[in-house]
PDBML (XML) file of the C-alpha atoms, coordinates in Angstrom:
<?xml version="1.0" encoding="UTF-8" ?>
<PDBx:datablock datablockName="MODEL"
   xmlns:PDBx="http://pdbml.pdb.org/schema/pdbx-v50.xsd"
   xmlns:xsi="http://www.w3.org/2001/XMLSchema-instance"
   xsi:schemaLocation="http://pdbml.pdb.org/schema/pdbx-v50.xsd pdbx-v50.xsd">
   <PDBx:atom_siteCategory>
      <PDBx:atom_site id="1">
         <PDBx:B_iso_or_equiv>0.00</PDBx:B_iso_or_equiv>
         <PDBx:Cartn_x>2.362</PDBx:Cartn_x>
         <PDBx:Cartn_y>214.228</PDBx:Cartn_y>
         <PDBx:Cartn_z>-36.497</PDBx:Cartn_z>
         <PDBx:auth_asym_id>A</PDBx:auth_asym_id>
         <PDBx:auth_atom_id>CA</PDBx:auth_atom_id>
         <PDBx:auth_comp_id>LEU</PDBx:auth_comp_id>
         <PDBx:auth_seq_id>1</PDBx:auth_seq_id>
         <PDBx:group_PDB>ATOM</PDBx:group_PDB>
         <PDBx:label_alt_id xsi:nil="true" />
         <PDBx:label_asym_id>A</PDBx:label_asym_id>
         <PDBx:label_atom_id>CA</PDBx:label_atom_id>
         <PDBx:label_comp_id>LEU</PDBx:label_comp_id>
         <PDBx:label_entity_id>1</PDBx:label_entity_id>
         <PDBx:label_seq_id>1</PDBx:label_seq_id>
         <PDBx:occupancy>1.00</PDBx:occupancy>
         <PDBx:pdbx_PDB_model_num>1</PDBx:pdbx_PDB_model_num>
         <PDBx:type_symbol>C</PDBx:type_symbol>
      </PDBx:atom_site>
      <PDBx:atom_site id="2">
         <PDBx:B_iso_or_equiv>0.00</PDBx:B_iso_or_equiv>
         <PDBx:Cartn_x>6.046</PDBx:Cartn_x>
         <PDBx:Cartn_y>215.073</PDBx:Cartn_y>
         <PDBx:Cartn_z>-36.566</PDBx:Cartn_z>
         <PDBx:auth_asym_id>A</PDBx:auth_asym_id>
         <PDBx:auth_atom_id>CA</PDBx:auth_atom_id>
         <PDBx:auth_comp_id>SER</PDBx:auth_comp_id>
         <PDBx:auth_seq_id>2</PDBx:auth_seq_id>
         <PDBx:group_PDB>ATOM</PDBx:group_PDB>
         <PDBx:label_alt_id xsi:nil="true" />
         <PDBx:label_asym_id>A</PDBx:label_asym_id>
         <PDBx:label_atom_id>CA</PDBx:label_atom_id>
         <PDBx:label_comp_id>SER</PDBx:label_comp_id>
         <PDBx:label_entity_id>1</PDBx:label_entity_id>
         <PDBx:label_seq_id>2</PDBx:label_seq_id>
         <PDBx:occupancy>1.00</PDBx:occupancy>
         <PDBx:pdbx_PDB_model_num>1</PDBx:pdbx_PDB_model_num>
         <PDBx:type_symbol>C</PDBx:type_symbol>
      </PDBx:atom_site>
      <PDBx:atom_site id="3">
         <PDBx:B_iso_or_equiv>0.00</PDBx:B_iso_or_equiv>
         <PDBx:Cartn_x>9.032</PDBx:Cartn_x>
         <PDBx:Cartn_y>215.534</PDBx:Cartn_y>
         <PDBx:Cartn_z>-38.848</PDBx:Cartn_z>
         <PDBx:auth_asym_id>A</PDBx:auth_asym_id>
         <PDBx:auth_atom_id>CA</PDBx:auth_atom_id>
         <PDBx:auth_comp_id>TRP</PDBx:auth_comp_id>
         <PDBx:auth_seq_id>3</PDBx:auth_seq_id>
         <PDBx:group_PDB>ATOM</PDBx:group_PDB>
         <PDBx:label_alt_id xsi:nil="true" />
         <PDBx:label_asym_id>A</PDBx:label_asym_id>
         <PDBx:label_atom_id>CA</PDBx:label_atom_id>
         <PDBx:label_comp_id>TRP</PDBx:label_comp_id>
         <PDBx:label_entity_id>1</PDBx:label_entity_id>
         <PDBx:label_seq_id>3</PDBx:label_seq_id>
         <PDBx:occupancy>1.00</PDBx:occupancy>
         <PDBx:pdbx_PDB_model_num>1</PDBx:pdbx_PDB_model_num>
         <PDBx:type_symbol>C</PDBx:type_symbol>
      </PDBx:atom_site>
      <PDBx:atom_site id="4">
         <PDBx:B_iso_or_equiv>0.00</PDBx:B_iso_or_equiv>
         <PDBx:Cartn_x>12.777</PDBx:Cartn_x>
         <PDBx:Cartn_y>215.144</PDBx:Cartn_y>
         <PDBx:Cartn_z>-38.647</PDBx:Cartn_z>
         <PDBx:auth_asym_id>A</PDBx:auth_asym_id>
         <PDBx:auth_atom_id>CA</PDBx:auth_atom_id>
         <PDBx:auth_comp_id>ASP</PDBx:auth_comp_id>
         <PDBx:auth_seq_id>4</PDBx:auth_seq_id>
         <PDBx:group_PDB>ATOM</PDBx:group_PDB>
         <PDBx:label_alt_id xsi:nil="true" />
         <PDBx:label_asym_id>A</PDBx:label_asym_id>
         <PDBx:label_atom_id>CA</PDBx:label_atom_id>
         <PDBx:label_comp_id>ASP</PDBx:label_comp_id>
         <PDBx:label_entity_id>1</PDBx:label_entity_id>
         <PDBx:label_seq_id>4</PDBx:label_seq_id>
         <PDBx:occupancy>1.00</PDBx:occupancy>
         <PDBx:pdbx_PDB_model_num>1</PDBx:pdbx_PDB_model_num>
         <PDBx:type_symbol>C</PDBx:type_symbol>
      </PDBx:atom_site>
      <PDBx:atom_site id="5">
         <PDBx:B_iso_or_equiv>0.00</PDBx:B_iso_or_equiv>
         <PDBx:Cartn_x>15.892</PDBx:Cartn_x>
         <PDBx:Cartn_y>216.239</PDBx:Cartn_y>
         <PDBx:Cartn_z>-40.497</PDBx:Cartn_z>
         <PDBx:auth_asym_id>A</PDBx:auth_asym_id>
         <PDBx:auth_atom_id>CA</PDBx:auth_atom_id>
         <PDBx:auth_comp_id>TYR</PDBx:auth_comp_id>
         <PDBx:auth_seq_id>5</PDBx:auth_seq_id>
         <PDBx:group_PDB>ATOM</PDBx:group_PDB>
         <PDBx:label_alt_id xsi:nil="true" />
         <PDBx:label_asym_id>A</PDBx:label_asym_id>
         <PDBx:label_atom_id>CA</PDBx:label_atom_id>
         <PDBx:label_comp_id>TYR</PDBx:label_comp_id>
         <PDBx:label_entity_id>1</PDBx:label_entity_id>
         <PDBx:label_seq_id>5</PDBx:label_seq_id>
         <PDBx:occupancy>1.00</PDBx:occupancy>
         <PDBx:pdbx_PDB_model_num>1</PDBx:pdbx_PDB_model_num>
         <PDBx:type_symbol>C</PDBx:type_symbol>
      </PDBx:atom_site>
      <PDBx:atom_site id="6">
         <PDBx:B_iso_or_equiv>0.00</PDBx:B_iso_or_equiv>
         <PDBx:Cartn_x>18.479</PDBx:Cartn_x>
         <PDBx:Cartn_y>213.452</PDBx:Cartn_y>
         <PDBx:Cartn_z>-40.207</PDBx:Cartn_z>
         <PDBx:auth_asym_id>A</PDBx:auth_asym_id>
         <PDBx:auth_atom_id>CA</PDBx:auth_atom_id>
         <PDBx:auth_comp_id>ARG</PDBx:auth_comp_id>
         <PDBx:auth_seq_id>6</PDBx:auth_seq_id>
         <PDBx:group_PDB>ATOM</PDBx:group_PDB>
         <PDBx:label_alt_id xsi:nil="true" />
         <PDBx:label_asym_id>A</PDBx:label_asym_id>
         <PDBx:label_atom_id>CA</PDBx:label_atom_id>
         <PDBx:label_comp_id>ARG</PDBx:label_comp_id>
         <PDBx:label_entity_id>1</PDBx:label_entity_id>
         <PDBx:label_seq_id>6</PDBx:label_seq_id>
         <PDBx:occupancy>1.00</PDBx:occupancy>
         <PDBx:pdbx_PDB_model_num>1</PDBx:pdbx_PDB_model_num>
         <PDBx:type_symbol>C</PDBx:type_symbol>
      </PDBx:atom_site>
      <PDBx:atom_site id="7">
         <PDBx:B_iso_or_equiv>0.00</PDBx:B_iso_or_equiv>
         <PDBx:Cartn_x>22.034</PDBx:Cartn_x>
         <PDBx:Cartn_y>214.124</PDBx:Cartn_y>
         <PDBx:Cartn_z>-41.386</PDBx:Cartn_z>
         <PDBx:auth_asym_id>A</PDBx:auth_asym_id>
         <PDBx:auth_atom_id>CA</PDBx:auth_atom_id>
         <PDBx:auth_comp_id>PRO</PDBx:auth_comp_id>
         <PDBx:auth_seq_id>7</PDBx:auth_seq_id>
         <PDBx:group_PDB>ATOM</PDBx:group_PDB>
         <PDBx:label_alt_id xsi:nil="true" />
         <PDBx:label_asym_id>A</PDBx:label_asym_id>
         <PDBx:label_atom_id>CA</PDBx:label_atom_id>
         <PDBx:label_comp_id>PRO</PDBx:label_comp_id>
         <PDBx:label_entity_id>1</PDBx:label_entity_id>
         <PDBx:label_seq_id>7</PDBx:label_seq_id>
         <PDBx:occupancy>1.00</PDBx:occupancy>
         <PDBx:pdbx_PDB_model_num>1</PDBx:pdbx_PDB_model_num>
         <PDBx:type_symbol>C</PDBx:type_symbol>
      </PDBx:atom_site>
      <PDBx:atom_site id="8">
         <PDBx:B_iso_or_equiv>0.00</PDBx:B_iso_or_equiv>
         <PDBx:Cartn_x>24.820</PDBx:Cartn_x>
         <PDBx:Cartn_y>211.543</PDBx:Cartn_y>
         <PDBx:Cartn_z>-41.550</PDBx:Cartn_z>
         <PDBx:auth_asym_id>A</PDBx:auth_asym_id>
         <PDBx:auth_atom_id>CA</PDBx:auth_atom_id>
         <PDBx:auth_comp_id>MET</PDBx:auth_comp_id>
         <PDBx:auth_seq_id>8</PDBx:auth_seq_id>
         <PDBx:group_PDB>ATOM</PDBx:group_PDB>
         <PDBx:label_alt_id xsi:nil="true" />
         <PDBx:label_asym_id>A</PDBx:label_asym_id>
         <PDBx:label_atom_id>CA</PDBx:label_atom_id>
         <PDBx:label_comp_id>MET</PDBx:label_comp_id>
         <PDBx:label_entity_id>1</PDBx:label_entity_id>
         <PDBx:label_seq_id>8</PDBx:label_seq_id>
         <PDBx:occupancy>1.00</PDBx:occupancy>
         <PDBx:pdbx_PDB_model_num>1</PDBx:pdbx_PDB_model_num>
         <PDBx:type_symbol>C</PDBx:type_symbol>
      </PDBx:atom_site>
      <PDBx:atom_site id="9">
         <PDBx:B_iso_or_equiv>0.00</PDBx:B_iso_or_equiv>
         <PDBx:Cartn_x>28.469</PDBx:Cartn_x>
         <PDBx:Cartn_y>211.716</PDBx:Cartn_y>
         <PDBx:Cartn_z>-42.555</PDBx:Cartn_z>
         <PDBx:auth_asym_id>A</PDBx:auth_asym_id>
         <PDBx:auth_atom_id>CA</PDBx:auth_atom_id>
         <PDBx:auth_comp_id>CYS</PDBx:auth_comp_id>
         <PDBx:auth_seq_id>9</PDBx:auth_seq_id>
         <PDBx:group_PDB>ATOM</PDBx:group_PDB>
         <PDBx:label_alt_id xsi:nil="true" />
         <PDBx:label_asym_id>A</PDBx:label_asym_id>
         <PDBx:label_atom_id>CA</PDBx:label_atom_id>
         <PDBx:label_comp_id>CYS</PDBx:label_comp_id>
         <PDBx:label_entity_id>1</PDBx:label_entity_id>
         <PDBx:label_seq_id>9</PDBx:label_seq_id>
         <PDBx:occupancy>1.00</PDBx:occupancy>
         <PDBx:pdbx_PDB_model_num>1</PDBx:pdbx_PDB_model_num>
         <PDBx:type_symbol>C</PDBx:type_symbol>
      </PDBx:atom_site>
      <PDBx:atom_site id="10">
         <PDBx:B_iso_or_equiv>0.00</PDBx:B_iso_or_equiv>
         <PDBx:Cartn_x>31.318</PDBx:Cartn_x>
         <PDBx:Cartn_y>209.206</PDBx:Cartn_y>
         <PDBx:Cartn_z>-42.668</PDBx:Cartn_z>
         <PDBx:auth_asym_id>A</PDBx:auth_asym_id>
         <PDBx:auth_atom_id>CA</PDBx:auth_atom_id>
         <PDBx:auth_comp_id>VAL</PDBx:auth_comp_id>
         <PDBx:auth_seq_id>10</PDBx:auth_seq_id>
         <PDBx:group_PDB>ATOM</PDBx:group_PDB>
         <PDBx:label_alt_id xsi:nil="true" />
         <PDBx:label_asym_id>A</PDBx:label_asym_id>
         <PDBx:label_atom_id>CA</PDBx:label_atom_id>
         <PDBx:label_comp_id>VAL</PDBx:label_comp_id>
         <PDBx:label_entity_id>1</PDBx:label_entity_id>
         <PDBx:label_seq_id>10</PDBx:label_seq_id>
         <PDBx:occupancy>1.00</PDBx:occupancy>
         <PDBx:pdbx_PDB_model_num>1</PDBx:pdbx_PDB_model_num>
         <PDBx:type_symbol>C</PDBx:type_symbol>
      </PDBx:atom_site>
      <PDBx:atom_site id="11">
         <PDBx:B_iso_or_equiv>0.00</PDBx:B_iso_or_equiv>
         <PDBx:Cartn_x>34.982</PDBx:Cartn_x>
         <PDBx:Cartn_y>209.771</PDBx:Cartn_y>
         <PDBx:Cartn_z>-43.453</PDBx:Cartn_z>
         <PDBx:auth_asym_id>A</PDBx:auth_asym_id>
         <PDBx:auth_atom_id>CA</PDBx:auth_atom_id>
         <PDBx:auth_comp_id>MET</PDBx:auth_comp_id>
         <PDBx:auth_seq_id>11</PDBx:auth_seq_id>
         <PDBx:group_PDB>ATOM</PDBx:group_PDB>
         <PDBx:label_alt_id xsi:nil="true" />
         <PDBx:label_asym_id>A</PDBx:label_asym_id>
         <PDBx:label_atom_id>CA</PDBx:label_atom_id>
         <PDBx:label_comp_id>MET</PDBx:label_comp_id>
         <PDBx:label_entity_id>1</PDBx:label_entity_id>
         <PDBx:label_seq_id>11</PDBx:label_seq_id>
         <PDBx:occupancy>1.00</PDBx:occupancy>
         <PDBx:pdbx_PDB_model_num>1</PDBx:pdbx_PDB_model_num>
         <PDBx:type_symbol>C</PDBx:type_symbol>
      </PDBx:atom_site>
      <PDBx:atom_site id="12">
         <PDBx:B_iso_or_equiv>0.00</PDBx:B_iso_or_equiv>
         <PDBx:Cartn_x>37.257</PDBx:Cartn_x>
         <PDBx:Cartn_y>206.797</PDBx:Cartn_y>
         <PDBx:Cartn_z>-43.957</PDBx:Cartn_z>
         <PDBx:auth_asym_id>A</PDBx:auth_asym_id>
         <PDBx:auth_atom_id>CA</PDBx:auth_atom_id>
         <PDBx:auth_comp_id>TYR</PDBx:auth_comp_id>
         <PDBx:auth_seq_id>12</PDBx:auth_seq_id>
         <PDBx:group_PDB>ATOM</PDBx:group_PDB>
         <PDBx:label_alt_id xsi:nil="true" />
         <PDBx:label_asym_id>A</PDBx:label_asym_id>
         <PDBx:label_atom_id>CA</PDBx:label_atom_id>
         <PDBx:label_comp_id>TYR</PDBx:label_comp_id>
         <PDBx:label_entity_id>1</PDBx:label_entity_id>
         <PDBx:label_seq_id>12</PDBx:label_seq_id>
         <PDBx:occupancy>1.00</PDBx:occupancy>
         <PDBx:pdbx_PDB_model_num>1</PDBx:pdbx_PDB_model_num>
         <PDBx:type_symbol>C</PDBx:type_symbol>
      </PDBx:atom_site>
      <PDBx:atom_site id="13">
         <PDBx:B_iso_or_equiv>0.00</PDBx:B_iso_or_equiv>
         <PDBx:Cartn_x>40.960</PDBx:Cartn_x>
         <PDBx:Cartn_y>206.443</PDBx:Cartn_y>
         <PDBx:Cartn_z>-44.637</PDBx:Cartn_z>
         <PDBx:auth_asym_id>A</PDBx:auth_asym_id>
         <PDBx:auth_atom_id>CA</PDBx:auth_atom_id>
         <PDBx:auth_comp_id>GLY</PDBx:auth_comp_id>
         <PDBx:auth_seq_id>13</PDBx:auth_seq_id>
         <PDBx:group_PDB>ATOM</PDBx:group_PDB>
         <PDBx:label_alt_id xsi:nil="true" />
         <PDBx:label_asym_id>A</PDBx:label_asym_id>
         <PDBx:label_atom_id>CA</PDBx:label_atom_id>
         <PDBx:label_comp_id>GLY</PDBx:label_comp_id>
         <PDBx:label_entity_id>1</PDBx:label_entity_id>
         <PDBx:label_seq_id>13</PDBx:label_seq_id>
         <PDBx:occupancy>1.00</PDBx:occupancy>
         <PDBx:pdbx_PDB_model_num>1</PDBx:pdbx_PDB_model_num>
         <PDBx:type_symbol>C</PDBx:type_symbol>
      </PDBx:atom_site>
      <PDBx:atom_site id="14">
         <PDBx:B_iso_or_equiv>0.00</PDBx:B_iso_or_equiv>
         <PDBx:Cartn_x>43.014</PDBx:Cartn_x>
         <PDBx:Cartn_y>203.282</PDBx:Cartn_y>
         <PDBx:Cartn_z>-45.154</PDBx:Cartn_z>
         <PDBx:auth_asym_id>A</PDBx:auth_asym_id>
         <PDBx:auth_atom_id>CA</PDBx:auth_atom_id>
         <PDBx:auth_comp_id>SER</PDBx:auth_comp_id>
         <PDBx:auth_seq_id>14</PDBx:auth_seq_id>
         <PDBx:group_PDB>ATOM</PDBx:group_PDB>
         <PDBx:label_alt_id xsi:nil="true" />
         <PDBx:label_asym_id>A</PDBx:label_asym_id>
         <PDBx:label_atom_id>CA</PDBx:label_atom_id>
         <PDBx:label_comp_id>SER</PDBx:label_comp_id>
         <PDBx:label_entity_id>1</PDBx:label_entity_id>
         <PDBx:label_seq_id>14</PDBx:label_seq_id>
         <PDBx:occupancy>1.00</PDBx:occupancy>
         <PDBx:pdbx_PDB_model_num>1</PDBx:pdbx_PDB_model_num>
         <PDBx:type_symbol>C</PDBx:type_symbol>
      </PDBx:atom_site>
      <PDBx:atom_site id="15">
         <PDBx:B_iso_or_equiv>0.00</PDBx:B_iso_or_equiv>
         <PDBx:Cartn_x>46.746</PDBx:Cartn_x>
         <PDBx:Cartn_y>202.851</PDBx:Cartn_y>
         <PDBx:Cartn_z>-45.430</PDBx:Cartn_z>
         <PDBx:auth_asym_id>A</PDBx:auth_asym_id>
         <PDBx:auth_atom_id>CA</PDBx:auth_atom_id>
         <PDBx:auth_comp_id>CYS</PDBx:auth_comp_id>
         <PDBx:auth_seq_id>15</PDBx:auth_seq_id>
         <PDBx:group_PDB>ATOM</PDBx:group_PDB>
         <PDBx:label_alt_id xsi:nil="true" />
         <PDBx:label_asym_id>A</PDBx:label_asym_id>
         <PDBx:label_atom_id>CA</PDBx:label_atom_id>
         <PDBx:label_comp_id>CYS</PDBx:label_comp_id>
         <PDBx:label_entity_id>1</PDBx:label_entity_id>
         <PDBx:label_seq_id>15</PDBx:label_seq_id>
         <PDBx:occupancy>1.00</PDBx:occupancy>
         <PDBx:pdbx_PDB_model_num>1</PDBx:pdbx_PDB_model_num>
         <PDBx:type_symbol>C</PDBx:type_symbol>
      </PDBx:atom_site>
      <PDBx:atom_site id="16">
         <PDBx:B_iso_or_equiv>0.00</PDBx:B_iso_or_equiv>
         <PDBx:Cartn_x>48.845</PDBx:Cartn_x>
         <PDBx:Cartn_y>200.117</PDBx:Cartn_y>
         <PDBx:Cartn_z>-47.045</PDBx:Cartn_z>
         <PDBx:auth_asym_id>A</PDBx:auth_asym_id>
         <PDBx:auth_atom_id>CA</PDBx:auth_atom_id>
         <PDBx:auth_comp_id>THR</PDBx:auth_comp_id>
         <PDBx:auth_seq_id>16</PDBx:auth_seq_id>
         <PDBx:group_PDB>ATOM</PDBx:group_PDB>
         <PDBx:label_alt_id xsi:nil="true" />
         <PDBx:label_asym_id>A</PDBx:label_asym_id>
         <PDBx:label_atom_id>CA</PDBx:label_atom_id>
         <PDBx:label_comp_id>THR</PDBx:label_comp_id>
         <PDBx:label_entity_id>1</PDBx:label_entity_id>
         <PDBx:label_seq_id>16</PDBx:label_seq_id>
         <PDBx:occupancy>1.00</PDBx:occupancy>
         <PDBx:pdbx_PDB_model_num>1</PDBx:pdbx_PDB_model_num>
         <PDBx:type_symbol>C</PDBx:type_symbol>
      </PDBx:atom_site>
      <PDBx:atom_site id="17">
         <PDBx:B_iso_or_equiv>0.00</PDBx:B_iso_or_equiv>
         <PDBx:Cartn_x>52.560</PDBx:Cartn_x>
         <PDBx:Cartn_y>199.828</PDBx:Cartn_y>
         <PDBx:Cartn_z>-46.231</PDBx:Cartn_z>
         <PDBx:auth_asym_id>A</PDBx:auth_asym_id>
         <PDBx:auth_atom_id>CA</PDBx:auth_atom_id>
         <PDBx:auth_comp_id>MET</PDBx:auth_comp_id>
         <PDBx:auth_seq_id>17</PDBx:auth_seq_id>
         <PDBx:group_PDB>ATOM</PDBx:group_PDB>
         <PDBx:label_alt_id xsi:nil="true" />
         <PDBx:label_asym_id>A</PDBx:label_asym_id>
         <PDBx:label_atom_id>CA</PDBx:label_atom_id>
         <PDBx:label_comp_id>MET</PDBx:label_comp_id>
         <PDBx:label_entity_id>1</PDBx:label_entity_id>
         <PDBx:label_seq_id>17</PDBx:label_seq_id>
         <PDBx:occupancy>1.00</PDBx:occupancy>
         <PDBx:pdbx_PDB_model_num>1</PDBx:pdbx_PDB_model_num>
         <PDBx:type_symbol>C</PDBx:type_symbol>
      </PDBx:atom_site>
      <PDBx:atom_site id="18">
         <PDBx:B_iso_or_equiv>0.00</PDBx:B_iso_or_equiv>
         <PDBx:Cartn_x>55.413</PDBx:Cartn_x>
         <PDBx:Cartn_y>197.660</PDBx:Cartn_y>
         <PDBx:Cartn_z>-47.431</PDBx:Cartn_z>
         <PDBx:auth_asym_id>A</PDBx:auth_asym_id>
         <PDBx:auth_atom_id>CA</PDBx:auth_atom_id>
         <PDBx:auth_comp_id>GLU</PDBx:auth_comp_id>
         <PDBx:auth_seq_id>18</PDBx:auth_seq_id>
         <PDBx:group_PDB>ATOM</PDBx:group_PDB>
         <PDBx:label_alt_id xsi:nil="true" />
         <PDBx:label_asym_id>A</PDBx:label_asym_id>
         <PDBx:label_atom_id>CA</PDBx:label_atom_id>
         <PDBx:label_comp_id>GLU</PDBx:label_comp_id>
         <PDBx:label_entity_id>1</PDBx:label_entity_id>
         <PDBx:label_seq_id>18</PDBx:label_seq_id>
         <PDBx:occupancy>1.00</PDBx:occupancy>
         <PDBx:pdbx_PDB_model_num>1</PDBx:pdbx_PDB_model_num>
         <PDBx:type_symbol>C</PDBx:type_symbol>
      </PDBx:atom_site>
      <PDBx:atom_site id="19">
         <PDBx:B_iso_or_equiv>0.00</PDBx:B_iso_or_equiv>
         <PDBx:Cartn_x>58.502</PDBx:Cartn_x>
         <PDBx:Cartn_y>196.723</PDBx:Cartn_y>
         <PDBx:Cartn_z>-45.440</PDBx:Cartn_z>
         <PDBx:auth_asym_id>A</PDBx:auth_asym_id>
         <PDBx:auth_atom_id>CA</PDBx:auth_atom_id>
         <PDBx:auth_comp_id>GLU</PDBx:auth_comp_id>
         <PDBx:auth_seq_id>19</PDBx:auth_seq_id>
         <PDBx:group_PDB>ATOM</PDBx:group_PDB>
         <PDBx:label_alt_id xsi:nil="true" />
         <PDBx:label_asym_id>A</PDBx:label_asym_id>
         <PDBx:label_atom_id>CA</PDBx:label_atom_id>
         <PDBx:label_comp_id>GLU</PDBx:label_comp_id>
         <PDBx:label_entity_id>1</PDBx:label_entity_id>
         <PDBx:label_seq_id>19</PDBx:label_seq_id>
         <PDBx:occupancy>1.00</PDBx:occupancy>
         <PDBx:pdbx_PDB_model_num>1</PDBx:pdbx_PDB_model_num>
         <PDBx:type_symbol>C</PDBx:type_symbol>
      </PDBx:atom_site>
      <PDBx:atom_site id="20">
         <PDBx:B_iso_or_equiv>0.00</PDBx:B_iso_or_equiv>
         <PDBx:Cartn_x>61.002</PDBx:Cartn_x>
         <PDBx:Cartn_y>194.047</PDBx:Cartn_y>
         <PDBx:Cartn_z>-46.458</PDBx:Cartn_z>
         <PDBx:auth_asym_id>A</PDBx:auth_asym_id>
         <PDBx:auth_atom_id>CA</PDBx:auth_atom_id>
         <PDBx:auth_comp_id>ASN</PDBx:auth_comp_id>
         <PDBx:auth_seq_id>20</PDBx:auth_seq_id>
         <PDBx:group_PDB>ATOM</PDBx:group_PDB>
         <PDBx:label_alt_id xsi:nil="true" />
         <PDBx:label_asym_id>A</PDBx:label_asym_id>
         <PDBx:label_atom_id>CA</PDBx:label_atom_id>
         <PDBx:label_comp_id>ASN</PDBx:label_comp_id>
         <PDBx:label_entity_id>1</PDBx:label_entity_id>
         <PDBx:label_seq_id>20</PDBx:label_seq_id>
         <PDBx:occupancy>1.00</PDBx:occupancy>
         <PDBx:pdbx_PDB_model_num>1</PDBx:pdbx_PDB_model_num>
         <PDBx:type_symbol>C</PDBx:type_symbol>
      </PDBx:atom_site>
      <PDBx:atom_site id="21">
         <PDBx:B_iso_or_equiv>0.00</PDBx:B_iso_or_equiv>
         <PDBx:Cartn_x>58.527</PDBx:Cartn_x>
         <PDBx:Cartn_y>192.623</PDBx:Cartn_y>
         <PDBx:Cartn_z>-48.995</PDBx:Cartn_z>
         <PDBx:auth_asym_id>A</PDBx:auth_asym_id>
         <PDBx:auth_atom_id>CA</PDBx:auth_atom_id>
         <PDBx:auth_comp_id>SER</PDBx:auth_comp_id>
         <PDBx:auth_seq_id>21</PDBx:auth_seq_id>
         <PDBx:group_PDB>ATOM</PDBx:group_PDB>
         <PDBx:label_alt_id xsi:nil="true" />
         <PDBx:label_asym_id>A</PDBx:label_asym_id>
         <PDBx:label_atom_id>CA</PDBx:label_atom_id>
         <PDBx:label_comp_id>SER</PDBx:label_comp_id>
         <PDBx:label_entity_id>1</PDBx:label_entity_id>
         <PDBx:label_seq_id>21</PDBx:label_seq_id>
         <PDBx:occupancy>1.00</PDBx:occupancy>
         <PDBx:pdbx_PDB_model_num>1</PDBx:pdbx_PDB_model_num>
         <PDBx:type_symbol>C</PDBx:type_symbol>
      </PDBx:atom_site>
      <PDBx:atom_site id="22">
         <PDBx:B_iso_or_equiv>0.00</PDBx:B_iso_or_equiv>
         <PDBx:Cartn_x>55.871</PDBx:Cartn_x>
         <PDBx:Cartn_y>192.335</PDBx:Cartn_y>
         <PDBx:Cartn_z>-46.289</PDBx:Cartn_z>
         <PDBx:auth_asym_id>A</PDBx:auth_asym_id>
         <PDBx:auth_atom_id>CA</PDBx:auth_atom_id>
         <PDBx:auth_comp_id>LYS</PDBx:auth_comp_id>
         <PDBx:auth_seq_id>22</PDBx:auth_seq_id>
         <PDBx:group_PDB>ATOM</PDBx:group_PDB>
         <PDBx:label_alt_id xsi:nil="true" />
         <PDBx:label_asym_id>A</PDBx:label_asym_id>
         <PDBx:label_atom_id>CA</PDBx:label_atom_id>
         <PDBx:label_comp_id>LYS</PDBx:label_comp_id>
         <PDBx:label_entity_id>1</PDBx:label_entity_id>
         <PDBx:label_seq_id>22</PDBx:label_seq_id>
         <PDBx:occupancy>1.00</PDBx:occupancy>
         <PDBx:pdbx_PDB_model_num>1</PDBx:pdbx_PDB_model_num>
         <PDBx:type_symbol>C</PDBx:type_symbol>
      </PDBx:atom_site>
      <PDBx:atom_site id="23">
         <PDBx:B_iso_or_equiv>0.00</PDBx:B_iso_or_equiv>
         <PDBx:Cartn_x>52.597</PDBx:Cartn_x>
         <PDBx:Cartn_y>194.234</PDBx:Cartn_y>
         <PDBx:Cartn_z>-46.801</PDBx:Cartn_z>
         <PDBx:auth_asym_id>A</PDBx:auth_asym_id>
         <PDBx:auth_atom_id>CA</PDBx:auth_atom_id>
         <PDBx:auth_comp_id>ILE</PDBx:auth_comp_id>
         <PDBx:auth_seq_id>23</PDBx:auth_seq_id>
         <PDBx:group_PDB>ATOM</PDBx:group_PDB>
         <PDBx:label_alt_id xsi:nil="true" />
         <PDBx:label_asym_id>A</PDBx:label_asym_id>
         <PDBx:label_atom_id>CA</PDBx:label_atom_id>
         <PDBx:label_comp_id>ILE</PDBx:label_comp_id>
         <PDBx:label_entity_id>1</PDBx:label_entity_id>
         <PDBx:label_seq_id>23</PDBx:label_seq_id>
         <PDBx:occupancy>1.00</PDBx:occupancy>
         <PDBx:pdbx_PDB_model_num>1</PDBx:pdbx_PDB_model_num>
         <PDBx:type_symbol>C</PDBx:type_symbol>
      </PDBx:atom_site>
      <PDBx:atom_site id="24">
         <PDBx:B_iso_or_equiv>0.00</PDBx:B_iso_or_equiv>
         <PDBx:Cartn_x>50.213</PDBx:Cartn_x>
         <PDBx:Cartn_y>195.354</PDBx:Cartn_y>
         <PDBx:Cartn_z>-44.062</PDBx:Cartn_z>
         <PDBx:auth_asym_id>A</PDBx:auth_asym_id>
         <PDBx:auth_atom_id>CA</PDBx:auth_atom_id>
         <PDBx:auth_comp_id>GLU</PDBx:auth_comp_id>
         <PDBx:auth_seq_id>24</PDBx:auth_seq_id>
         <PDBx:group_PDB>ATOM</PDBx:group_PDB>
         <PDBx:label_alt_id xsi:nil="true" />
         <PDBx:label_asym_id>A</PDBx:label_asym_id>
         <PDBx:label_atom_id>CA</PDBx:label_atom_id>
         <PDBx:label_comp_id>GLU</PDBx:label_comp_id>
         <PDBx:label_entity_id>1</PDBx:label_entity_id>
         <PDBx:label_seq_id>24</PDBx:label_seq_id>
         <PDBx:occupancy>1.00</PDBx:occupancy>
         <PDBx:pdbx_PDB_model_num>1</PDBx:pdbx_PDB_model_num>
         <PDBx:type_symbol>C</PDBx:type_symbol>
      </PDBx:atom_site>
   </PDBx:atom_siteCategory>
</PDBx:datablock>
């Protein structure tokens, strides 16, 4: 007989750039 406290966290960041009409 047991118990648990399970936390979880995620942080995410994305970036979109444009240079000379090209996008990445």
